[in-house]
Amino acid sequence: MTSIPLPWAEQYQPQSLQEIKGQDQALSLLQRCVAQKKPVILSGPVGCGKTASVYALAQDLQYEIIEVNTSDFRDKNSIHQIVGSSLQQQSLFSKGKIILVDEVDGIAGNQDRGGVQALAQLLTEAKQAVVMTANDPWDSKFNVLRKSSQVIEFQPVGTQALVAVLQQICSKEGVQCSEEILKKVARKAQGDVRAAITDLEMLTRGKTTVTLDDVDFLEERLREQSMSDALRLVFKSTKAEEVVDAFDRVDSDLPEVLLWLDENLPREYTAEDLHHGYQALSGADVFHGRIMRWQHWRFLVYMNAFLTAGVALAKREKKDGFVDYKRNGRILRYWMAKQKRLKRQGILSTMRGDIHGSSTPLMKEVLPYLIFMLRKNKRMTFGLSQEDIRYLVQ
């Protein structure tokens, strides 16, 4: 019976603090606090290495580690039962011990009944090192925890450090992947090491050589999968509070979301439900027009409400069964081409004074040569920012 291989994100999890990139200052402070048994709160974006650092440090010190997730408890009594006993117990075989309380934000929700205060009290009596992770440790609800803990900030991992991690994995897996491709994967991950490794694994599945076309295809496929999940939530839900943030984690702005809903609404709704659904889309489009005309960006909240709660509540009951959602090809291509043209016009507008021309001739006569020269000579900038140069040559 063959064993199922571990995902690369787990397989290549750091086994020592030396393997963690881009967090030298945070790791040094973490080591000192654990040695002094001073409680610690680690904060930082997803995938920057908070939890992995705790496990790596435990490996370096040969410490026992006990992880508790706050999704398992909400109130004072459960915290005493789950955390309290761990803090008082001596480690097996006379080793040191680290208690990892992951995602401490989970004990401060609406159902919380003295949970944060109970945890803070336990920290004052702890005989072991305690490390907590939090998305926002500066929230007022954590005031009592911060008084007895050291807050350590983890930063998003830089592109170069992330590329170095990916290069090591490619070497071990026998995969040929250029630095240009790895940089594109790293930039897409935005400092999330776990996401970058997962993307690399998906790119190399069934092959040993990765091309730029593979990266572009992966980005588009992941984008469509994420959009499908958000659409399914809106179309299948009947509660406004469940859907108002459905598109917050989708890599698309609201005008593009409107096009997706327009294409797929008839696949989910019929008769009167379909009529009410398009009324909601119409309301979103009205606010989009006002935003574009008057630049009143505060109207985005109303546009989002129509696209999420408006569409979700347009139906009397949800439709059973799976629906394969499609993108709105013709209109979306037109819209994306327009956005691309506007972006390029904006870049060229910064050069009008230098080359004395209006935007239309510049787009037709200058832009192709400008892109060609930027690709051939990376030292040339023509006064453009690095972000604009990357956009033009990609």
Protein backbone atom coordinates (compact mmCIF):
# COMPACT_ATOMS: atom_id res chain seq x y z
CA MET A 1 0.00 0.00 0.00
CA THR A 2 1.61 3.26 -1.16
CA SER A 3 1.67 6.22 1.17
CA ILE A 4 0.24 9.57 0.12
CA PRO A 5 3.01 12.19 -0.13
CA LEU A 6 2.76 15.21 2.10
CA PRO A 7 1.98 18.59 0.52
CA TRP A 8 5.15 20.57 -0.07
CA ALA A 9 4.09 23.23 2.43
CA GLU A 10 4.25 20.55 5.14
CA GLN A 11 7.10 18.54 3.67
CA TYR A 12 9.40 21.56 3.57
CA GLN A 13 8.31 23.15 6.83
CA PRO A 14 11.39 24.66 8.53
CA GLN A 15 13.11 22.33 10.98
CA SER A 16 15.33 25.04 12.43
CA LEU A 17 15.19 28.80 12.90
CA GLN A 18 18.10 29.06 10.44
CA GLU A 19 15.76 27.91 7.66
CA ILE A 20 13.28 30.77 8.23
CA LYS A 21 13.93 33.73 5.97
CA GLY A 22 13.32 37.43 6.44
CA GLN A 23 12.44 37.47 10.16
CA ASP A 24 15.85 37.76 11.88
CA GLN A 25 14.90 40.47 14.40
CA ALA A 26 11.61 38.81 15.35
CA LEU A 27 13.26 35.40 15.78
CA SER A 28 16.01 36.78 18.00
CA LEU A 29 13.43 38.38 20.30
CA LEU A 30 11.33 35.20 20.30
CA GLN A 31 14.32 33.13 21.42
CA ARG A 32 15.04 35.48 24.33
CA CYS A 33 11.43 35.52 25.52
CA VAL A 34 11.11 31.72 25.43
CA ALA A 35 14.37 31.34 27.34
CA GLN A 36 13.05 33.75 30.01
CA LYS A 37 9.56 32.14 29.94
CA LYS A 38 8.06 35.53 29.14
CA PRO A 39 4.66 35.20 27.38
CA VAL A 40 4.75 36.24 23.73
CA ILE A 41 2.15 37.41 21.20
CA LEU A 42 3.24 36.91 17.59
CA SER A 43 1.48 39.08 15.04
CA GLY A 44 1.79 39.38 11.29
CA PRO A 45 0.12 38.49 8.00
CA VAL A 46 -0.89 34.97 7.01
CA GLY A 47 1.98 32.74 5.90
CA CYS A 48 4.82 34.89 7.25
CA GLY A 49 6.11 32.10 9.52
CA LYS A 50 4.62 32.74 12.97
CA THR A 51 3.56 29.18 13.81
CA ALA A 52 6.42 27.62 11.82
CA SER A 53 8.91 29.66 13.87
CA VAL A 54 7.57 28.29 17.14
CA TYR A 55 7.90 24.71 15.94
CA ALA A 56 11.37 25.38 14.52
CA LEU A 57 12.51 26.90 17.82
CA ALA A 58 11.15 23.89 19.70
CA GLN A 59 13.21 21.65 17.39
CA ASP A 60 16.36 23.69 18.01
CA LEU A 61 15.89 23.58 21.78
CA GLN A 62 14.62 19.99 21.85
CA TYR A 63 11.52 21.28 23.65
CA GLU A 64 8.17 19.59 23.82
CA ILE A 65 5.44 21.68 22.16
CA ILE A 66 1.73 21.61 22.98
CA GLU A 67 -0.56 23.45 20.57
CA VAL A 68 -4.07 24.52 21.49
CA ASN A 69 -6.38 26.30 19.07
CA THR A 70 -8.82 28.81 20.45
CA SER A 71 -11.58 27.47 18.23
CA ASP A 72 -11.80 24.70 20.84
CA PHE A 73 -12.86 27.04 23.63
CA ARG A 74 -14.71 30.28 24.15
CA ASP A 75 -15.19 30.86 27.85
CA LYS A 76 -13.27 31.05 31.12
CA ASN A 77 -14.00 27.49 32.23
CA SER A 78 -12.83 25.82 29.03
CA ILE A 79 -9.62 27.89 29.01
CA HIS A 80 -8.82 26.76 32.55
CA GLN A 81 -9.45 23.14 31.59
CA ILE A 82 -7.52 23.11 28.33
CA VAL A 83 -4.72 25.64 28.87
CA GLY A 84 -4.43 25.77 32.62
CA SER A 85 -3.39 22.15 33.10
CA SER A 86 -0.81 22.40 30.28
CA LEU A 87 0.79 25.48 31.83
CA GLN A 88 1.23 23.82 35.22
CA GLN A 89 2.46 20.41 34.07
CA GLN A 90 6.16 19.65 33.86
CA SER A 91 7.47 18.48 30.50
CA LEU A 92 8.05 14.80 29.78
CA PHE A 93 11.64 13.54 30.17
CA SER A 94 12.64 16.82 31.91
CA LYS A 95 12.56 18.78 28.63
CA GLY A 96 11.43 22.34 28.38
CA LYS A 97 7.97 22.97 27.02
CA ILE A 98 6.29 25.60 24.84
CA ILE A 99 2.54 26.12 24.97
CA LEU A 100 1.35 27.48 21.61
CA VAL A 101 -2.05 29.19 21.72
CA ASP A 102 -2.82 29.63 18.03
CA GLU A 103 -5.23 32.29 16.72
CA VAL A 104 -5.96 33.88 20.08
CA ASP A 105 -8.44 36.19 18.30
CA GLY A 106 -10.89 33.29 18.50
CA ILE A 107 -11.55 33.75 22.22
CA ALA A 108 -12.70 37.33 21.83
CA GLY A 109 -15.87 36.89 19.81
CA ASN A 110 -19.47 37.58 20.77
CA GLN A 111 -19.69 34.32 22.71
CA ASP A 112 -16.69 35.14 24.87
CA ARG A 113 -17.39 35.07 28.59
CA GLY A 114 -14.25 36.20 30.36
CA GLY A 115 -11.93 34.22 28.07
CA VAL A 116 -9.24 36.85 27.53
CA GLN A 117 -9.16 37.77 31.23
CA ALA A 118 -8.90 34.10 32.18
CA LEU A 119 -5.98 33.55 29.80
CA ALA A 120 -4.20 36.66 31.12
CA GLN A 121 -4.56 35.36 34.67
CA LEU A 122 -3.13 31.99 33.71
CA LEU A 123 -0.10 33.67 32.11
CA THR A 124 0.88 35.23 35.44
CA GLU A 125 0.99 31.73 36.98
CA ALA A 126 2.59 29.89 34.05
CA LYS A 127 5.63 27.67 34.68
CA GLN A 128 6.25 27.14 30.96
CA ALA A 129 6.94 29.32 27.94
CA VAL A 130 3.74 30.54 26.28
CA VAL A 131 3.51 31.78 22.69
CA MET A 132 0.27 33.15 21.25
CA THR A 133 -0.52 34.20 17.67
CA ALA A 134 -2.96 36.98 16.78
CA ASN A 135 -4.02 38.81 13.64
CA ASP A 136 -4.51 42.13 15.46
CA PRO A 137 -2.93 42.18 18.92
CA TRP A 138 -3.45 45.97 19.17
CA ASP A 139 -7.22 45.63 19.40
CA SER A 140 -8.49 47.04 22.69
CA LYS A 141 -9.88 43.64 23.70
CA PHE A 142 -6.28 42.42 24.09
CA ASN A 143 -5.18 45.21 26.45
CA VAL A 144 -5.00 42.89 29.43
CA LEU A 145 -2.95 40.31 27.48
CA ARG A 146 -0.45 42.87 26.19
CA LYS A 147 0.31 44.04 29.74
CA SER A 148 1.86 40.68 30.59
CA SER A 149 3.20 39.71 27.13
CA GLN A 150 5.82 40.76 24.63
CA VAL A 151 4.34 41.60 21.21
CA ILE A 152 6.60 40.51 18.34
CA GLU A 153 5.81 41.70 14.82
CA PHE A 154 6.48 39.37 11.87
CA GLN A 155 6.81 41.08 8.49
CA PRO A 156 5.62 39.82 5.09
CA VAL A 157 8.49 37.82 3.61
CA GLY A 158 10.31 39.79 0.90
CA THR A 159 10.36 38.63 -2.70
CA GLN A 160 14.07 37.76 -2.74
CA ALA A 161 13.84 35.73 0.47
CA LEU A 162 10.80 33.92 -0.88
CA VAL A 163 12.57 33.18 -4.18
CA ALA A 164 15.46 31.65 -2.21
CA VAL A 165 13.03 29.27 -0.46
CA LEU A 166 11.43 28.28 -3.77
CA GLN A 167 14.83 27.72 -5.40
CA GLN A 168 15.81 25.29 -2.64
CA ILE A 169 12.60 23.32 -3.15
CA CYS A 170 13.10 23.22 -6.94
CA SER A 171 16.62 21.90 -6.42
CA LYS A 172 15.43 19.12 -4.10
CA GLU A 173 12.53 18.18 -6.38
CA GLY A 174 14.60 18.26 -9.59
CA VAL A 175 12.44 20.99 -11.13
CA GLN A 176 13.75 23.49 -13.69
CA CYS A 177 12.25 26.89 -13.02
CA SER A 178 13.81 30.24 -13.95
CA GLU A 179 14.32 33.02 -11.43
CA GLU A 180 11.92 35.19 -13.44
CA ILE A 181 9.13 32.63 -12.93
CA LEU A 182 9.91 32.22 -9.24
CA LYS A 183 9.79 36.00 -8.79
CA LYS A 184 6.36 36.06 -10.40
CA VAL A 185 5.15 33.30 -8.06
CA ALA A 186 6.66 35.13 -5.07
CA ARG A 187 5.08 38.49 -5.98
CA LYS A 188 1.70 36.82 -6.43
CA ALA A 189 1.97 35.29 -2.92
CA GLN A 190 2.52 38.78 -1.38
CA GLY A 191 4.77 37.56 1.42
CA ASP A 192 2.81 34.35 2.14
CA VAL A 193 5.40 31.56 2.13
CA ARG A 194 2.83 28.79 2.41
CA ALA A 195 0.83 30.12 -0.55
CA ALA A 196 3.97 30.46 -2.69
CA ILE A 197 5.05 26.87 -2.00
CA THR A 198 1.55 25.58 -2.74
CA ASP A 199 1.44 27.51 -6.03
CA LEU A 200 4.85 26.12 -7.02
CA GLU A 201 3.69 22.58 -6.28
CA MET A 202 0.62 23.06 -8.46
CA LEU A 203 2.75 24.46 -11.29
CA THR A 204 5.13 21.49 -11.24
CA ARG A 205 2.55 18.75 -10.90
CA GLY A 206 3.33 16.13 -13.57
CA LYS A 207 6.26 18.06 -15.06
CA THR A 208 9.88 18.98 -14.36
CA THR A 209 10.03 22.24 -16.33
CA VAL A 210 7.87 25.30 -15.70
CA THR A 211 7.22 28.09 -18.23
CA LEU A 212 5.73 31.57 -17.95
CA ASP A 213 2.61 30.32 -19.73
CA ASP A 214 2.13 27.81 -16.90
CA VAL A 215 2.21 30.64 -14.33
CA ASP A 216 -0.32 32.71 -16.27
CA PHE A 217 -2.64 29.72 -16.59
CA LEU A 218 -2.39 28.93 -12.88
CA GLU A 219 -3.19 32.53 -11.90
CA GLU A 220 -6.28 32.59 -14.10
CA ARG A 221 -7.48 29.19 -12.88
CA LEU A 222 -7.06 30.05 -9.19
CA ARG A 223 -8.80 33.36 -9.78
CA GLU A 224 -11.80 31.65 -11.37
CA GLN A 225 -11.95 29.03 -8.58
CA SER A 226 -12.00 31.76 -5.95
CA MET A 227 -14.72 33.62 -7.83
CA SER A 228 -16.79 30.44 -8.16
CA ASP A 229 -16.67 29.91 -4.40
CA ALA A 230 -17.86 33.48 -3.79
CA LEU A 231 -20.67 33.19 -6.37
CA ARG A 232 -21.82 29.91 -4.87
CA LEU A 233 -22.02 31.52 -1.43
CA VAL A 234 -24.19 34.38 -2.74
CA PHE A 235 -26.45 32.22 -4.90
CA LYS A 236 -26.99 29.49 -2.30
CA SER A 237 -27.40 31.65 0.82
CA THR A 238 -30.60 33.28 2.06
CA LYS A 239 -29.07 35.41 4.84
CA ALA A 240 -27.62 38.85 4.19
CA GLU A 241 -25.07 38.68 7.01
CA GLU A 242 -23.51 35.55 5.47
CA VAL A 243 -22.75 37.12 2.10
CA VAL A 244 -21.88 40.81 2.60
CA ASP A 245 -18.14 40.04 2.54
CA ALA A 246 -18.36 37.24 -0.05
CA PHE A 247 -16.19 39.06 -2.61
CA ASP A 248 -13.71 40.62 -0.16
CA ARG A 249 -11.16 37.83 -0.72
CA VAL A 250 -11.65 37.65 -4.49
CA ASP A 251 -8.97 39.19 -6.70
CA SER A 252 -11.52 41.19 -8.71
CA ASP A 253 -13.06 44.61 -8.24
CA LEU A 254 -16.82 45.13 -7.97
CA PRO A 255 -17.45 46.07 -11.64
CA GLU A 256 -15.96 42.74 -12.67
CA VAL A 257 -18.01 40.96 -10.00
CA LEU A 258 -21.12 42.54 -11.53
CA LEU A 259 -20.24 40.97 -14.90
CA TRP A 260 -19.78 37.54 -13.32
CA LEU A 261 -23.18 37.80 -11.62
CA ASP A 262 -24.80 39.02 -14.84
CA GLU A 263 -23.53 35.96 -16.71
CA ASN A 264 -24.48 33.37 -14.09
CA LEU A 265 -27.71 34.72 -12.63
CA PRO A 266 -29.89 32.86 -15.22
CA ARG A 267 -28.11 29.62 -14.32
CA GLU A 268 -29.36 29.86 -10.74
CA TYR A 269 -32.57 31.92 -10.78
CA THR A 270 -35.76 31.64 -12.83
CA ALA A 271 -39.05 33.54 -13.24
CA GLU A 272 -39.69 36.11 -10.50
CA ASP A 273 -36.43 35.33 -8.70
CA LEU A 274 -34.51 36.16 -11.87
CA HIS A 275 -36.40 39.43 -12.22
CA HIS A 276 -35.57 40.49 -8.66
CA GLY A 277 -31.96 39.37 -9.13
CA TYR A 278 -31.49 41.64 -12.13
CA GLN A 279 -33.13 44.48 -10.22
CA ALA A 280 -30.37 44.11 -7.63
CA LEU A 281 -27.71 44.14 -10.37
CA SER A 282 -29.36 47.25 -11.82
CA GLY A 283 -29.10 48.99 -8.46
CA ALA A 284 -25.39 48.08 -8.26
CA ASP A 285 -24.84 49.44 -11.77
CA VAL A 286 -26.53 52.73 -10.86
CA PHE A 287 -24.15 53.26 -7.95
CA HIS A 288 -21.19 52.26 -10.12
CA GLY A 289 -22.18 54.98 -12.58
CA ARG A 290 -22.35 57.55 -9.79
CA ILE A 291 -18.93 56.49 -8.55
CA MET A 292 -17.41 56.88 -12.01
CA ARG A 293 -19.18 60.17 -12.71
CA TRP A 294 -18.62 61.95 -9.40
CA GLN A 295 -15.78 59.90 -7.85
CA HIS A 296 -17.94 59.30 -4.76
CA TRP A 297 -16.13 56.14 -3.62
CA ARG A 298 -18.22 55.95 -0.46
CA PHE A 299 -20.95 54.52 -2.73
CA LEU A 300 -18.92 51.30 -3.03
CA VAL A 301 -20.59 50.03 0.14
CA TYR A 302 -24.02 50.37 -1.52
CA MET A 303 -22.79 48.74 -4.71
CA ASN A 304 -21.44 45.82 -2.71
CA ALA A 305 -24.73 45.51 -0.79
CA PHE A 306 -26.70 45.15 -4.03
CA LEU A 307 -24.22 42.61 -5.45
CA THR A 308 -24.19 40.43 -2.33
CA ALA A 309 -27.23 40.76 -0.07
CA GLY A 310 -29.41 42.12 -2.88
CA VAL A 311 -28.78 39.13 -5.15
CA ALA A 312 -28.90 36.59 -2.30
CA LEU A 313 -32.28 37.84 -1.00
CA ALA A 314 -33.81 38.10 -4.48
CA LYS A 315 -34.73 34.40 -4.41
CA ARG A 316 -37.53 32.76 -2.48
CA GLU A 317 -35.54 29.56 -2.01
CA LYS A 318 -32.16 28.32 -3.14
CA LYS A 319 -31.72 26.01 -6.11
CA ASP A 320 -30.37 22.53 -5.37
CA GLY A 321 -27.56 20.95 -7.33
CA PHE A 322 -24.17 22.04 -8.65
CA VAL A 323 -23.87 24.86 -11.19
CA ASP A 324 -20.70 25.38 -13.24
CA TYR A 325 -20.25 29.16 -13.31
CA LYS A 326 -18.90 30.85 -16.45
CA ARG A 327 -17.18 34.17 -16.96
CA ASN A 328 -18.83 36.82 -19.12
CA GLY A 329 -16.44 36.51 -22.04
CA ARG A 330 -17.33 39.27 -24.51
CA ILE A 331 -18.17 42.08 -22.09
CA LEU A 332 -15.40 41.16 -19.68
CA ARG A 333 -12.76 41.14 -22.42
CA TYR A 334 -13.94 44.57 -23.52
CA TRP A 335 -13.87 45.88 -19.97
CA MET A 336 -10.43 44.44 -19.21
CA ALA A 337 -9.02 45.83 -22.47
CA LYS A 338 -10.39 49.25 -21.54
CA GLN A 339 -8.82 49.05 -18.07
CA LYS A 340 -5.50 48.04 -19.61
CA ARG A 341 -5.68 50.97 -22.05
CA LEU A 342 -6.49 53.41 -19.24
CA LYS A 343 -3.59 52.08 -17.19
CA ARG A 344 -1.18 52.56 -20.07
CA GLN A 345 -2.55 56.03 -20.78
CA GLY A 346 -1.98 56.91 -17.14
CA ILE A 347 1.64 55.76 -17.34
CA LEU A 348 2.26 57.70 -20.54
CA SER A 349 0.65 60.82 -19.10
CA THR A 350 3.64 61.16 -16.79
CA MET A 351 5.87 61.48 -19.87
CA ARG A 352 3.82 63.97 -21.94
CA GLY A 353 5.91 66.93 -20.89
CA ASP A 354 9.14 65.19 -21.87
CA ILE A 355 8.11 63.98 -25.33
CA HIS A 356 5.54 66.65 -26.19
CA GLY A 357 2.53 64.68 -27.39
CA SER A 358 -1.08 63.86 -26.61
CA SER A 359 -2.16 60.48 -25.29
CA THR A 360 -3.54 59.01 -28.54
CA PRO A 361 -0.39 59.47 -30.68
CA LEU A 362 1.74 58.33 -27.74
CA MET A 363 -0.28 55.11 -27.42
CA LYS A 364 0.02 54.32 -31.14
CA GLU A 365 3.46 55.60 -32.05
CA VAL A 366 5.59 55.71 -28.89
CA LEU A 367 4.36 52.96 -26.57
CA PRO A 368 5.47 49.95 -28.71
CA TYR A 369 9.01 51.32 -28.98
CA LEU A 370 9.06 52.25 -25.29
CA ILE A 371 8.13 48.69 -24.26
CA PHE A 372 10.73 47.27 -26.66
CA MET A 373 13.52 49.43 -25.19
CA LEU A 374 12.52 48.67 -21.60
CA ARG A 375 12.70 44.94 -22.32
CA LYS A 376 16.07 45.19 -24.07
CA ASN A 377 17.79 47.49 -21.59
CA LYS A 378 16.75 47.10 -17.95
CA ARG A 379 18.80 50.15 -16.96
CA MET A 380 16.50 52.48 -18.86
CA THR A 381 13.64 53.97 -16.83
CA PHE A 382 12.52 57.07 -18.80
CA GLY A 383 11.48 58.55 -15.46
CA LEU A 384 8.98 55.75 -14.79
CA SER A 385 8.57 53.94 -11.47
CA GLN A 386 9.65 50.32 -11.17
CA GLU A 387 6.01 49.29 -10.71
CA ASP A 388 5.02 50.96 -14.00
CA ILE A 389 7.97 49.39 -15.81
CA ARG A 390 7.02 45.92 -14.56
CA TYR A 391 3.46 46.48 -15.75
CA LEU A 392 4.57 47.48 -19.24
CA VAL A 393 7.09 44.69 -19.82
CA GLN A 394 5.20 41.80 -18.26
